[in-house]
Amino acid sequence: MPKDPIMLLSYVNTQLRDHYSSLDDLCASEGVDRAELEEKLSQVDYRYDAKKNRFV
């Protein structure tokens, strides 16, 4: 996964759109800690929206 928060945002939202039905599914598949991912993206003012299944 990209280290840069903006590149990470793009990567994660694309993965959620194309391959995963939830953030939990993505994190389990990629071996990523959900809390760490959400913290990193919150630094650039993005939060996960479960209804939209993307960071907004």
PDB file of N, CA and C in Angstrom:
ATOM      1  N   MET A   1       0.842  -1.180   0.000  1.00  0.00           N
ATOM      2  CA  MET A   1       0.000   0.000   0.000  1.00  0.00           C
ATOM      3  C   MET A   1       0.885   1.240   0.000  1.00  0.00           C
ATOM      4  N   PRO A   2       0.417   2.268  -0.677  1.00  0.00           N
ATOM      5  CA  PRO A   2       1.196   3.515  -0.722  1.00  0.00           C
ATOM      6  C   PRO A   2       1.366   4.137   0.666  1.00  0.00           C
ATOM      7  N   LYS A   3       2.477   4.807   0.878  1.00  0.00           N
ATOM      8  CA  LYS A   3       2.747   5.482   2.149  1.00  0.00           C
ATOM      9  C   LYS A   3       2.152   6.886   2.176  1.00  0.00           C
ATOM     10  N   ASP A   4       2.166   7.558   1.027  1.00  0.00           N
ATOM     11  CA  ASP A   4       1.626   8.908   0.935  1.00  0.00           C
ATOM     12  C   ASP A   4       0.111   8.867   1.164  1.00  0.00           C
ATOM     13  N   PRO A   5      -0.423   9.697   2.073  1.00  0.00           N
ATOM     14  CA  PRO A   5      -1.851   9.633   2.391  1.00  0.00           C
ATOM     15  C   PRO A   5      -2.782   9.852   1.193  1.00  0.00           C
ATOM     16  N   ILE A   6      -2.444  10.743   0.290  1.00  0.00           N
ATOM     17  CA  ILE A   6      -3.310  10.997  -0.868  1.00  0.00           C
ATOM     18  C   ILE A   6      -3.280   9.814  -1.831  1.00  0.00           C
ATOM     19  N   MET A   7      -2.106   9.258  -2.058  1.00  0.00           N
ATOM     20  CA  MET A   7      -2.007   8.062  -2.911  1.00  0.00           C
ATOM     21  C   MET A   7      -2.720   6.881  -2.242  1.00  0.00           C
ATOM     22  N   LEU A   8      -2.588   6.790  -0.927  1.00  0.00           N
ATOM     23  CA  LEU A   8      -3.267   5.739  -0.171  1.00  0.00           C
ATOM     24  C   LEU A   8      -4.777   5.879  -0.314  1.00  0.00           C
ATOM     25  N   LEU A   9      -5.280   7.077  -0.210  1.00  0.00           N
ATOM     26  CA  LEU A   9      -6.710   7.340  -0.363  1.00  0.00           C
ATOM     27  C   LEU A   9      -7.206   6.840  -1.716  1.00  0.00           C
ATOM     28  N   SER A  10      -6.507   7.200  -2.754  1.00  0.00           N
ATOM     29  CA  SER A  10      -6.885   6.777  -4.098  1.00  0.00           C
ATOM     30  C   SER A  10      -6.857   5.255  -4.224  1.00  0.00           C
ATOM     31  N   TYR A  11      -5.800   4.648  -3.732  1.00  0.00           N
ATOM     32  CA  TYR A  11      -5.662   3.194  -3.804  1.00  0.00           C
ATOM     33  C   TYR A  11      -6.799   2.498  -3.048  1.00  0.00           C
ATOM     34  N   VAL A  12      -7.032   2.927  -1.807  1.00  0.00           N
ATOM     35  CA  VAL A  12      -8.038   2.272  -0.966  1.00  0.00           C
ATOM     36  C   VAL A  12      -9.428   2.433  -1.567  1.00  0.00           C
ATOM     37  N   ASN A  13      -9.785   3.632  -1.994  1.00  0.00           N
ATOM     38  CA  ASN A  13     -11.118   3.821  -2.572  1.00  0.00           C
ATOM     39  C   ASN A  13     -11.298   3.016  -3.854  1.00  0.00           C
ATOM     40  N   THR A  14     -10.264   2.898  -4.649  1.00  0.00           N
ATOM     41  CA  THR A  14     -10.344   2.076  -5.858  1.00  0.00           C
ATOM     42  C   THR A  14     -10.538   0.611  -5.493  1.00  0.00           C
ATOM     43  N   GLN A  15      -9.783   0.132  -4.521  1.00  0.00           N
ATOM     44  CA  GLN A  15      -9.919  -1.258  -4.085  1.00  0.00           C
ATOM     45  C   GLN A  15     -11.317  -1.518  -3.525  1.00  0.00           C
ATOM     46  N   LEU A  16     -11.821  -0.583  -2.723  1.00  0.00           N
ATOM     47  CA  LEU A  16     -13.167  -0.741  -2.164  1.00  0.00           C
ATOM     48  C   LEU A  16     -14.211  -0.770  -3.275  1.00  0.00           C
ATOM     49  N   ARG A  17     -14.072   0.087  -4.234  1.00  0.00           N
ATOM     50  CA  ARG A  17     -15.030   0.148  -5.350  1.00  0.00           C
ATOM     51  C   ARG A  17     -15.001  -1.122  -6.200  1.00  0.00           C
ATOM     52  N   ASP A  18     -13.790  -1.592  -6.487  1.00  0.00           N
ATOM     53  CA  ASP A  18     -13.644  -2.678  -7.461  1.00  0.00           C
ATOM     54  C   ASP A  18     -13.620  -4.087  -6.884  1.00  0.00           C
ATOM     55  N   HIS A  19     -13.225  -4.231  -5.606  1.00  0.00           N
ATOM     56  CA  HIS A  19     -12.970  -5.585  -5.111  1.00  0.00           C
ATOM     57  C   HIS A  19     -13.571  -5.950  -3.756  1.00  0.00           C
ATOM     58  N   TYR A  20     -13.924  -4.987  -2.928  1.00  0.00           N
ATOM     59  CA  TYR A  20     -14.320  -5.306  -1.548  1.00  0.00           C
ATOM     60  C   TYR A  20     -15.653  -4.666  -1.186  1.00  0.00           C
ATOM     61  N   SER A  21     -16.440  -5.399  -0.422  1.00  0.00           N
ATOM     62  CA  SER A  21     -17.750  -4.897  -0.010  1.00  0.00           C
ATOM     63  C   SER A  21     -17.691  -4.104   1.289  1.00  0.00           C
ATOM     64  N   SER A  22     -16.522  -4.111   1.951  1.00  0.00           N
ATOM     65  CA  SER A  22     -16.387  -3.340   3.195  1.00  0.00           C
ATOM     66  C   SER A  22     -14.904  -3.083   3.482  1.00  0.00           C
ATOM     67  N   LEU A  23     -14.674  -2.126   4.353  1.00  0.00           N
ATOM     68  CA  LEU A  23     -13.312  -1.827   4.774  1.00  0.00           C
ATOM     69  C   LEU A  23     -12.716  -3.004   5.538  1.00  0.00           C
ATOM     70  N   ASP A  24     -13.528  -3.692   6.320  1.00  0.00           N
ATOM     71  CA  ASP A  24     -13.034  -4.872   7.046  1.00  0.00           C
ATOM     72  C   ASP A  24     -12.544  -5.948   6.084  1.00  0.00           C
ATOM     73  N   ASP A  25     -13.264  -6.160   4.991  1.00  0.00           N
ATOM     74  CA  ASP A  25     -12.844  -7.149   3.990  1.00  0.00           C
ATOM     75  C   ASP A  25     -11.499  -6.765   3.372  1.00  0.00           C
ATOM     76  N   LEU A  26     -11.355  -5.500   3.025  1.00  0.00           N
ATOM     77  CA  LEU A  26     -10.105  -5.027   2.438  1.00  0.00           C
ATOM     78  C   LEU A  26      -8.949  -5.221   3.419  1.00  0.00           C
ATOM     79  N   CYS A  27      -9.141  -4.810   4.665  1.00  0.00           N
ATOM     80  CA  CYS A  27      -8.078  -4.905   5.667  1.00  0.00           C
ATOM     81  C   CYS A  27      -7.678  -6.362   5.920  1.00  0.00           C
ATOM     82  N   ALA A  28      -8.650  -7.243   5.989  1.00  0.00           N
ATOM     83  CA  ALA A  28      -8.351  -8.660   6.208  1.00  0.00           C
ATOM     84  C   ALA A  28      -7.571  -9.234   5.033  1.00  0.00           C
ATOM     85  N   SER A  29      -7.985  -8.910   3.844  1.00  0.00           N
ATOM     86  CA  SER A  29      -7.328  -9.427   2.652  1.00  0.00           C
ATOM     87  C   SER A  29      -5.916  -8.881   2.479  1.00  0.00           C
ATOM     88  N   GLU A  30      -5.732  -7.592   2.777  1.00  0.00           N
ATOM     89  CA  GLU A  30      -4.441  -6.930   2.591  1.00  0.00           C
ATOM     90  C   GLU A  30      -3.530  -7.044   3.817  1.00  0.00           C
ATOM     91  N   GLY A  31      -4.059  -7.582   4.929  1.00  0.00           N
ATOM     92  CA  GLY A  31      -3.264  -7.697   6.145  1.00  0.00           C
ATOM     93  C   GLY A  31      -2.930  -6.342   6.766  1.00  0.00           C
ATOM     94  N   VAL A  32      -3.910  -5.449   6.726  1.00  0.00           N
ATOM     95  CA  VAL A  32      -3.718  -4.082   7.209  1.00  0.00           C
ATOM     96  C   VAL A  32      -4.534  -3.866   8.476  1.00  0.00           C
ATOM     97  N   ASP A  33      -3.987  -3.129   9.421  1.00  0.00           N
ATOM     98  CA  ASP A  33      -4.707  -2.770  10.633  1.00  0.00           C
ATOM     99  C   ASP A  33      -5.686  -1.642  10.298  1.00  0.00           C
ATOM    100  N   ARG A  34      -6.961  -1.903  10.507  1.00  0.00           N
ATOM    101  CA  ARG A  34      -7.989  -0.923  10.139  1.00  0.00           C
ATOM    102  C   ARG A  34      -7.808   0.401  10.875  1.00  0.00           C
ATOM    103  N   ALA A  35      -7.537   0.337  12.161  1.00  0.00           N
ATOM    104  CA  ALA A  35      -7.381   1.569  12.950  1.00  0.00           C
ATOM    105  C   ALA A  35      -6.229   2.420  12.425  1.00  0.00           C
ATOM    106  N   GLU A  36      -5.125   1.782  12.070  1.00  0.00           N
ATOM    107  CA  GLU A  36      -3.983   2.522  11.527  1.00  0.00           C
ATOM    108  C   GLU A  36      -4.323   3.154  10.179  1.00  0.00           C
ATOM    109  N   LEU A  37      -5.027   2.415   9.346  1.00  0.00           N
ATOM    110  CA  LEU A  37      -5.432   2.936   8.040  1.00  0.00           C
ATOM    111  C   LEU A  37      -6.359   4.139   8.210  1.00  0.00           C
ATOM    112  N   GLU A  38      -7.351   3.995   9.071  1.00  0.00           N
ATOM    113  CA  GLU A  38      -8.282   5.099   9.295  1.00  0.00           C
ATOM    114  C   GLU A  38      -7.570   6.311   9.898  1.00  0.00           C
ATOM    115  N   GLU A  39      -6.620   6.085  10.783  1.00  0.00           N
ATOM    116  CA  GLU A  39      -5.857   7.184  11.379  1.00  0.00           C
ATOM    117  C   GLU A  39      -5.049   7.921  10.319  1.00  0.00           C
ATOM    118  N   LYS A  40      -4.390   7.170   9.459  1.00  0.00           N
ATOM    119  CA  LYS A  40      -3.571   7.798   8.411  1.00  0.00           C
ATOM    120  C   LYS A  40      -4.436   8.649   7.481  1.00  0.00           C
ATOM    121  N   LEU A  41      -5.595   8.144   7.100  1.00  0.00           N
ATOM    122  CA  LEU A  41      -6.456   8.908   6.200  1.00  0.00           C
ATOM    123  C   LEU A  41      -7.175  10.046   6.910  1.00  0.00           C
ATOM    124  N   SER A  42      -7.349   9.939   8.212  1.00  0.00           N
ATOM    125  CA  SER A  42      -7.954  11.056   8.950  1.00  0.00           C
ATOM    126  C   SER A  42      -7.006  12.255   8.986  1.00  0.00           C
ATOM    127  N   GLN A  43      -5.712  12.009   8.819  1.00  0.00           N
ATOM    128  CA  GLN A  43      -4.735  13.096   8.800  1.00  0.00           C
ATOM    129  C   GLN A  43      -4.934  14.011   7.594  1.00  0.00           C
ATOM    130  N   VAL A  44      -5.578  13.518   6.550  1.00  0.00           N
ATOM    131  CA  VAL A  44      -5.897  14.345   5.383  1.00  0.00           C
ATOM    132  C   VAL A  44      -7.415  14.563   5.289  1.00  0.00           C
ATOM    133  N   ASP A  45      -8.065  14.486   6.451  1.00  0.00           N
ATOM    134  CA  ASP A  45      -9.490  14.799   6.611  1.00  0.00           C
ATOM    135  C   ASP A  45     -10.437  13.888   5.838  1.00  0.00           C
ATOM    136  N   TYR A  46     -10.142  12.600   5.792  1.00  0.00           N
ATOM    137  CA  TYR A  46     -11.043  11.634   5.176  1.00  0.00           C
ATOM    138  C   TYR A  46     -11.467  10.616   6.215  1.00  0.00           C
ATOM    139  N   ARG A  47     -12.751  10.259   6.179  1.00  0.00           N
ATOM    140  CA  ARG A  47     -13.330   9.281   7.088  1.00  0.00           C
ATOM    141  C   ARG A  47     -14.050   8.228   6.261  1.00  0.00           C
ATOM    142  N   TYR A  48     -14.078   7.011   6.788  1.00  0.00           N
ATOM    143  CA  TYR A  48     -14.764   5.918   6.090  1.00  0.00           C
ATOM    144  C   TYR A  48     -16.270   6.064   6.252  1.00  0.00           C
ATOM    145  N   ASP A  49     -16.971   5.971   5.145  1.00  0.00           N
ATOM    146  CA  ASP A  49     -18.436   5.992   5.125  1.00  0.00           C
ATOM    147  C   ASP A  49     -18.893   4.596   4.712  1.00  0.00           C
ATOM    148  N   ALA A  50     -19.428   3.844   5.668  1.00  0.00           N
ATOM    149  CA  ALA A  50     -19.818   2.455   5.408  1.00  0.00           C
ATOM    150  C   ALA A  50     -20.939   2.357   4.375  1.00  0.00           C
ATOM    151  N   LYS A  51     -21.855   3.309   4.372  1.00  0.00           N
ATOM    152  CA  LYS A  51     -22.964   3.266   3.412  1.00  0.00           C
ATOM    153  C   LYS A  51     -22.458   3.434   1.979  1.00  0.00           C
ATOM    154  N   LYS A  52     -21.463   4.288   1.806  1.00  0.00           N
ATOM    155  CA  LYS A  52     -20.890   4.508   0.482  1.00  0.00           C
ATOM    156  C   LYS A  52     -19.739   3.561   0.192  1.00  0.00           C
ATOM    157  N   ASN A  53     -19.252   2.885   1.229  1.00  0.00           N
ATOM    158  CA  ASN A  53     -18.092   1.993   1.141  1.00  0.00           C
ATOM    159  C   ASN A  53     -16.893   2.701   0.508  1.00  0.00           C
ATOM    160  N   ARG A  54     -16.596   3.873   1.053  1.00  0.00           N
ATOM    161  CA  ARG A  54     -15.445   4.634   0.578  1.00  0.00           C
ATOM    162  C   ARG A  54     -15.078   5.702   1.604  1.00  0.00           C
ATOM    163  N   PHE A  55     -13.886   6.220   1.466  1.00  0.00           N
ATOM    164  CA  PHE A  55     -13.477   7.329   2.313  1.00  0.00           C
ATOM    165  C   PHE A  55     -13.944   8.614   1.658  1.00  0.00           C
ATOM    166  N   VAL A  56     -14.570   9.464   2.449  1.00  0.00           N
ATOM    167  CA  VAL A  56     -15.099  10.744   1.947  1.00  0.00           C
ATOM    168  C   VAL A  56     -14.587  11.889   2.805  1.00  0.00           C
TER     169      VAL A  56
END
